[in-house]
């Protein structure tokens, strides 16, 4: 059973890595001409990397905020489904993450 859980955990990591690659590579592909112009104008690698990671950081911040709000909503649902679980129990949201 542990091996099966480990396999599905590894599979989930691979799928999430592929998804993250797709989410980051699509905006970079769309801005390829802009990046080429910046390189032609002698923009450093640090500037281009900052541009790409800044955009990814904004997306990460939005996704993290949505995830936190969703986990708080799920703690409300878990209070009604499980016996003895309170909404403000710290282990409940930590277990969801």
N, C-alpha and C. Protein backbone atom coordinates (compact mmCIF):
# COMPACT_ATOMS: atom_id res chain seq x y z
N UNK A 1 0.83 -1.18 0.00
CA UNK A 1 0.00 0.00 0.00
C UNK A 1 0.88 1.25 0.00
N UNK A 2 1.98 1.21 0.76
CA UNK A 2 2.88 2.37 0.81
C UNK A 2 3.54 2.61 -0.54
N UNK A 3 3.90 1.54 -1.23
CA UNK A 3 4.51 1.68 -2.55
C UNK A 3 3.53 2.29 -3.54
N UNK A 4 2.27 1.89 -3.44
CA UNK A 4 1.24 2.43 -4.32
C UNK A 4 1.03 3.91 -4.05
N UNK A 5 0.99 4.29 -2.78
CA UNK A 5 0.85 5.70 -2.42
C UNK A 5 2.07 6.50 -2.87
N UNK A 6 3.25 5.92 -2.74
CA UNK A 6 4.46 6.59 -3.20
C UNK A 6 4.46 6.78 -4.71
N UNK A 7 3.98 5.77 -5.42
CA UNK A 7 3.90 5.88 -6.87
C UNK A 7 2.96 6.99 -7.29
N UNK A 8 1.78 7.04 -6.68
CA UNK A 8 0.82 8.08 -7.04
C UNK A 8 1.29 9.46 -6.59
N UNK A 9 2.03 9.54 -5.50
CA UNK A 9 2.62 10.81 -5.10
C UNK A 9 3.64 11.29 -6.11
N UNK A 10 4.49 10.38 -6.57
CA UNK A 10 5.48 10.74 -7.59
C UNK A 10 4.81 11.13 -8.90
N UNK A 11 3.76 10.41 -9.26
CA UNK A 11 3.02 10.73 -10.47
C UNK A 11 2.38 12.12 -10.37
N UNK A 12 1.85 12.45 -9.21
CA UNK A 12 1.26 13.77 -8.99
C UNK A 12 2.32 14.86 -9.11
N UNK A 13 3.53 14.58 -8.61
CA UNK A 13 4.60 15.57 -8.73
C UNK A 13 5.00 15.77 -10.18
N UNK A 14 5.07 14.71 -10.96
CA UNK A 14 5.43 14.84 -12.36
C UNK A 14 4.37 15.62 -13.12
N UNK A 15 3.11 15.30 -12.86
CA UNK A 15 2.02 16.00 -13.54
C UNK A 15 2.01 17.48 -13.17
N UNK A 16 2.24 17.79 -11.91
CA UNK A 16 2.26 19.19 -11.50
C UNK A 16 3.46 19.92 -12.08
N UNK A 17 4.60 19.25 -12.21
CA UNK A 17 5.78 19.88 -12.82
C UNK A 17 5.53 20.18 -14.29
N UNK A 18 4.89 19.26 -14.99
CA UNK A 18 4.57 19.49 -16.40
C UNK A 18 3.58 20.65 -16.53
N UNK A 19 2.61 20.70 -15.65
CA UNK A 19 1.64 21.79 -15.67
C UNK A 19 2.28 23.13 -15.36
N UNK A 20 3.18 23.15 -14.39
CA UNK A 20 3.88 24.38 -14.05
C UNK A 20 4.76 24.84 -15.21
N UNK A 21 5.41 23.90 -15.87
CA UNK A 21 6.21 24.24 -17.04
C UNK A 21 5.34 24.87 -18.12
N UNK A 22 4.16 24.30 -18.35
CA UNK A 22 3.26 24.84 -19.36
C UNK A 22 2.76 26.22 -19.00
N UNK A 23 2.46 26.44 -17.73
CA UNK A 23 1.95 27.73 -17.29
C UNK A 23 3.02 28.81 -17.43
N UNK A 24 4.27 28.47 -17.18
CA UNK A 24 5.35 29.45 -17.29
C UNK A 24 5.79 29.62 -18.73
N UNK A 25 5.82 28.56 -19.52
CA UNK A 25 6.35 28.66 -20.87
C UNK A 25 5.40 29.36 -21.83
N UNK A 26 4.11 29.30 -21.59
CA UNK A 26 3.16 29.94 -22.52
C UNK A 26 3.34 31.46 -22.57
N UNK A 27 3.39 32.16 -21.42
CA UNK A 27 3.62 33.61 -21.51
C UNK A 27 5.00 33.96 -22.07
N UNK A 28 5.99 33.13 -21.81
CA UNK A 28 7.32 33.38 -22.37
C UNK A 28 7.28 33.22 -23.88
N UNK A 29 6.56 32.24 -24.37
CA UNK A 29 6.43 32.03 -25.81
C UNK A 29 5.71 33.20 -26.46
N UNK A 30 4.68 33.71 -25.79
CA UNK A 30 3.94 34.86 -26.32
C UNK A 30 4.80 36.12 -26.39
N UNK A 31 5.75 36.25 -25.47
CA UNK A 31 6.59 37.44 -25.41
C UNK A 31 7.96 37.21 -26.03
N UNK A 32 8.09 36.20 -26.85
CA UNK A 32 9.38 35.86 -27.44
C UNK A 32 9.94 37.02 -28.26
N UNK A 33 9.10 37.71 -29.04
CA UNK A 33 9.59 38.84 -29.83
C UNK A 33 10.11 39.95 -28.93
N UNK A 34 9.38 40.24 -27.86
CA UNK A 34 9.81 41.27 -26.92
C UNK A 34 11.15 40.89 -26.27
N UNK A 35 11.29 39.64 -25.91
CA UNK A 35 12.54 39.18 -25.31
C UNK A 35 13.69 39.30 -26.31
N UNK A 36 13.41 38.96 -27.57
CA UNK A 36 14.43 39.10 -28.62
C UNK A 36 14.86 40.55 -28.80
N UNK A 37 13.91 41.47 -28.76
CA UNK A 37 14.24 42.89 -28.89
C UNK A 37 15.07 43.35 -27.69
N UNK A 38 14.69 42.88 -26.51
CA UNK A 38 15.46 43.25 -25.31
C UNK A 38 16.90 42.73 -25.39
N UNK A 39 17.05 41.52 -25.91
CA UNK A 39 18.41 40.97 -26.06
C UNK A 39 19.19 41.78 -27.10
N UNK A 40 18.51 42.18 -28.20
CA UNK A 40 19.17 42.97 -29.23
C UNK A 40 19.59 44.34 -28.70
N UNK A 41 18.83 44.86 -27.74
CA UNK A 41 19.17 46.15 -27.14
C UNK A 41 20.10 45.99 -25.94
N UNK A 42 20.72 44.83 -25.84
CA UNK A 42 21.73 44.49 -24.84
C UNK A 42 21.17 44.48 -23.42
N UNK A 43 19.98 43.98 -23.26
CA UNK A 43 19.45 43.76 -21.91
C UNK A 43 20.18 42.55 -21.33
N UNK A 44 20.51 42.63 -20.09
CA UNK A 44 21.22 41.53 -19.45
C UNK A 44 20.30 40.35 -19.15
N UNK A 45 20.91 39.24 -18.88
CA UNK A 45 20.14 38.05 -18.54
C UNK A 45 19.33 38.27 -17.28
N UNK A 46 19.91 39.03 -16.36
CA UNK A 46 19.21 39.29 -15.09
C UNK A 46 17.92 40.07 -15.33
N UNK A 47 17.94 41.02 -16.25
CA UNK A 47 16.74 41.80 -16.55
C UNK A 47 15.64 40.95 -17.18
N UNK A 48 16.03 40.07 -18.08
CA UNK A 48 15.06 39.20 -18.74
C UNK A 48 14.51 38.17 -17.75
N UNK A 49 15.39 37.65 -16.93
CA UNK A 49 14.96 36.69 -15.92
C UNK A 49 14.02 37.36 -14.92
N UNK A 50 14.32 38.59 -14.56
CA UNK A 50 13.45 39.34 -13.65
C UNK A 50 12.08 39.56 -14.28
N UNK A 51 12.04 39.83 -15.58
CA UNK A 51 10.78 40.02 -16.29
C UNK A 51 9.94 38.74 -16.24
N UNK A 52 10.56 37.62 -16.52
CA UNK A 52 9.83 36.34 -16.56
C UNK A 52 9.41 35.90 -15.17
N UNK A 53 10.34 35.98 -14.21
CA UNK A 53 10.01 35.55 -12.85
C UNK A 53 9.05 36.50 -12.16
N UNK A 54 9.08 37.78 -12.54
CA UNK A 54 8.10 38.72 -11.99
C UNK A 54 6.69 38.37 -12.41
N UNK A 55 6.53 38.00 -13.66
CA UNK A 55 5.23 37.59 -14.16
C UNK A 55 4.79 36.28 -13.50
N UNK A 56 5.72 35.36 -13.33
CA UNK A 56 5.39 34.09 -12.66
C UNK A 56 5.07 34.34 -11.20
N UNK A 57 5.74 35.29 -10.58
CA UNK A 57 5.46 35.62 -9.18
C UNK A 57 4.06 36.18 -8.99
N UNK A 58 3.62 37.00 -9.92
CA UNK A 58 2.25 37.52 -9.85
C UNK A 58 1.24 36.38 -9.96
N UNK A 59 1.49 35.47 -10.87
CA UNK A 59 0.60 34.32 -11.03
C UNK A 59 0.62 33.44 -9.79
N UNK A 60 1.80 33.24 -9.22
CA UNK A 60 1.93 32.44 -8.00
C UNK A 60 1.19 33.09 -6.84
N UNK A 61 1.29 34.41 -6.72
CA UNK A 61 0.60 35.12 -5.64
C UNK A 61 -0.91 34.97 -5.77
N UNK A 62 -1.42 35.11 -6.98
CA UNK A 62 -2.86 34.95 -7.20
C UNK A 62 -3.32 33.52 -6.89
N UNK A 63 -2.54 32.55 -7.33
CA UNK A 63 -2.90 31.15 -7.07
C UNK A 63 -2.82 30.81 -5.59
N UNK A 64 -1.83 31.36 -4.91
CA UNK A 64 -1.69 31.12 -3.48
C UNK A 64 -2.85 31.73 -2.70
N UNK A 65 -3.26 32.93 -3.08
CA UNK A 65 -4.40 33.57 -2.42
C UNK A 65 -5.68 32.76 -2.65
N UNK A 66 -5.87 32.29 -3.88
CA UNK A 66 -7.05 31.47 -4.16
C UNK A 66 -7.00 30.16 -3.39
N UNK A 67 -5.82 29.57 -3.27
CA UNK A 67 -5.68 28.31 -2.53
C UNK A 67 -5.95 28.48 -1.05
N UNK A 68 -5.49 29.59 -0.49
CA UNK A 68 -5.75 29.83 0.93
C UNK A 68 -7.24 30.04 1.19
N UNK A 69 -7.87 30.82 0.32
CA UNK A 69 -9.32 31.03 0.48
C UNK A 69 -10.09 29.73 0.32
N UNK A 70 -9.68 28.90 -0.62
CA UNK A 70 -10.35 27.62 -0.82
C UNK A 70 -10.13 26.69 0.37
N UNK A 71 -8.94 26.70 0.94
CA UNK A 71 -8.69 25.84 2.09
C UNK A 71 -9.49 26.31 3.30
N UNK A 72 -9.66 27.62 3.45
CA UNK A 72 -10.49 28.11 4.54
C UNK A 72 -11.95 27.69 4.34
N UNK A 73 -12.40 27.69 3.11
CA UNK A 73 -13.76 27.23 2.82
C UNK A 73 -13.88 25.73 3.10
N UNK A 74 -12.83 24.97 2.81
CA UNK A 74 -12.89 23.53 3.05
C UNK A 74 -12.87 23.20 4.54
N UNK A 75 -12.24 24.07 5.35
CA UNK A 75 -12.28 23.82 6.79
C UNK A 75 -13.69 23.99 7.30
N UNK A 76 -14.45 24.90 6.72
CA UNK A 76 -15.86 25.04 7.08
C UNK A 76 -16.64 23.78 6.73
N UNK A 77 -16.36 23.23 5.57
CA UNK A 77 -17.05 22.02 5.15
C UNK A 77 -16.64 20.83 6.02
N UNK A 78 -15.37 20.78 6.42
CA UNK A 78 -14.91 19.66 7.23
C UNK A 78 -15.53 19.69 8.62
N UNK A 79 -15.90 20.87 9.10
CA UNK A 79 -16.54 20.98 10.40
C UNK A 79 -17.89 20.26 10.39
N UNK A 80 -18.60 20.35 9.28
CA UNK A 80 -19.90 19.71 9.22
C UNK A 80 -19.82 18.22 8.89
N UNK A 81 -18.71 17.79 8.29
CA UNK A 81 -18.62 16.39 7.87
C UNK A 81 -17.99 15.48 8.91
N UNK A 82 -17.05 16.00 9.72
CA UNK A 82 -16.30 15.17 10.66
C UNK A 82 -16.67 15.49 12.09
N UNK A 83 -16.74 14.47 12.91
CA UNK A 83 -17.09 14.65 14.31
C UNK A 83 -15.91 15.20 15.09
N UNK A 84 -16.14 16.21 15.89
CA UNK A 84 -15.12 16.74 16.77
C UNK A 84 -14.12 17.67 16.12
N UNK A 85 -14.36 18.07 14.89
CA UNK A 85 -13.47 18.98 14.19
C UNK A 85 -14.07 20.37 14.25
N UNK A 86 -13.26 21.32 14.72
CA UNK A 86 -13.72 22.70 14.79
C UNK A 86 -13.11 23.49 13.65
N UNK A 87 -13.78 24.56 13.30
CA UNK A 87 -13.36 25.37 12.16
C UNK A 87 -11.98 25.99 12.36
N UNK A 88 -11.66 26.36 13.58
CA UNK A 88 -10.41 27.08 13.83
C UNK A 88 -9.28 26.18 14.30
N UNK A 89 -9.38 24.88 14.12
CA UNK A 89 -8.29 23.98 14.47
C UNK A 89 -7.12 24.19 13.52
N UNK A 90 -5.93 24.55 14.01
CA UNK A 90 -4.80 24.78 13.10
C UNK A 90 -4.38 23.54 12.29
N UNK A 91 -4.48 22.32 12.84
CA UNK A 91 -4.04 21.19 12.00
C UNK A 91 -4.93 20.93 10.77
N UNK A 92 -6.15 21.42 10.80
CA UNK A 92 -7.04 21.14 9.66
C UNK A 92 -6.55 21.83 8.39
N UNK A 93 -6.33 23.15 8.38
CA UNK A 93 -5.81 23.75 7.14
C UNK A 93 -4.40 23.26 6.80
N UNK A 94 -3.60 22.96 7.80
CA UNK A 94 -2.25 22.46 7.54
C UNK A 94 -2.31 21.09 6.87
N UNK A 95 -3.30 20.29 7.21
CA UNK A 95 -3.46 18.98 6.59
C UNK A 95 -3.92 19.08 5.15
N UNK A 96 -4.64 20.13 4.84
CA UNK A 96 -5.10 20.32 3.46
C UNK A 96 -3.93 20.67 2.57
N UNK A 97 -2.98 21.44 3.09
CA UNK A 97 -1.83 21.81 2.28
C UNK A 97 -0.97 20.62 2.05
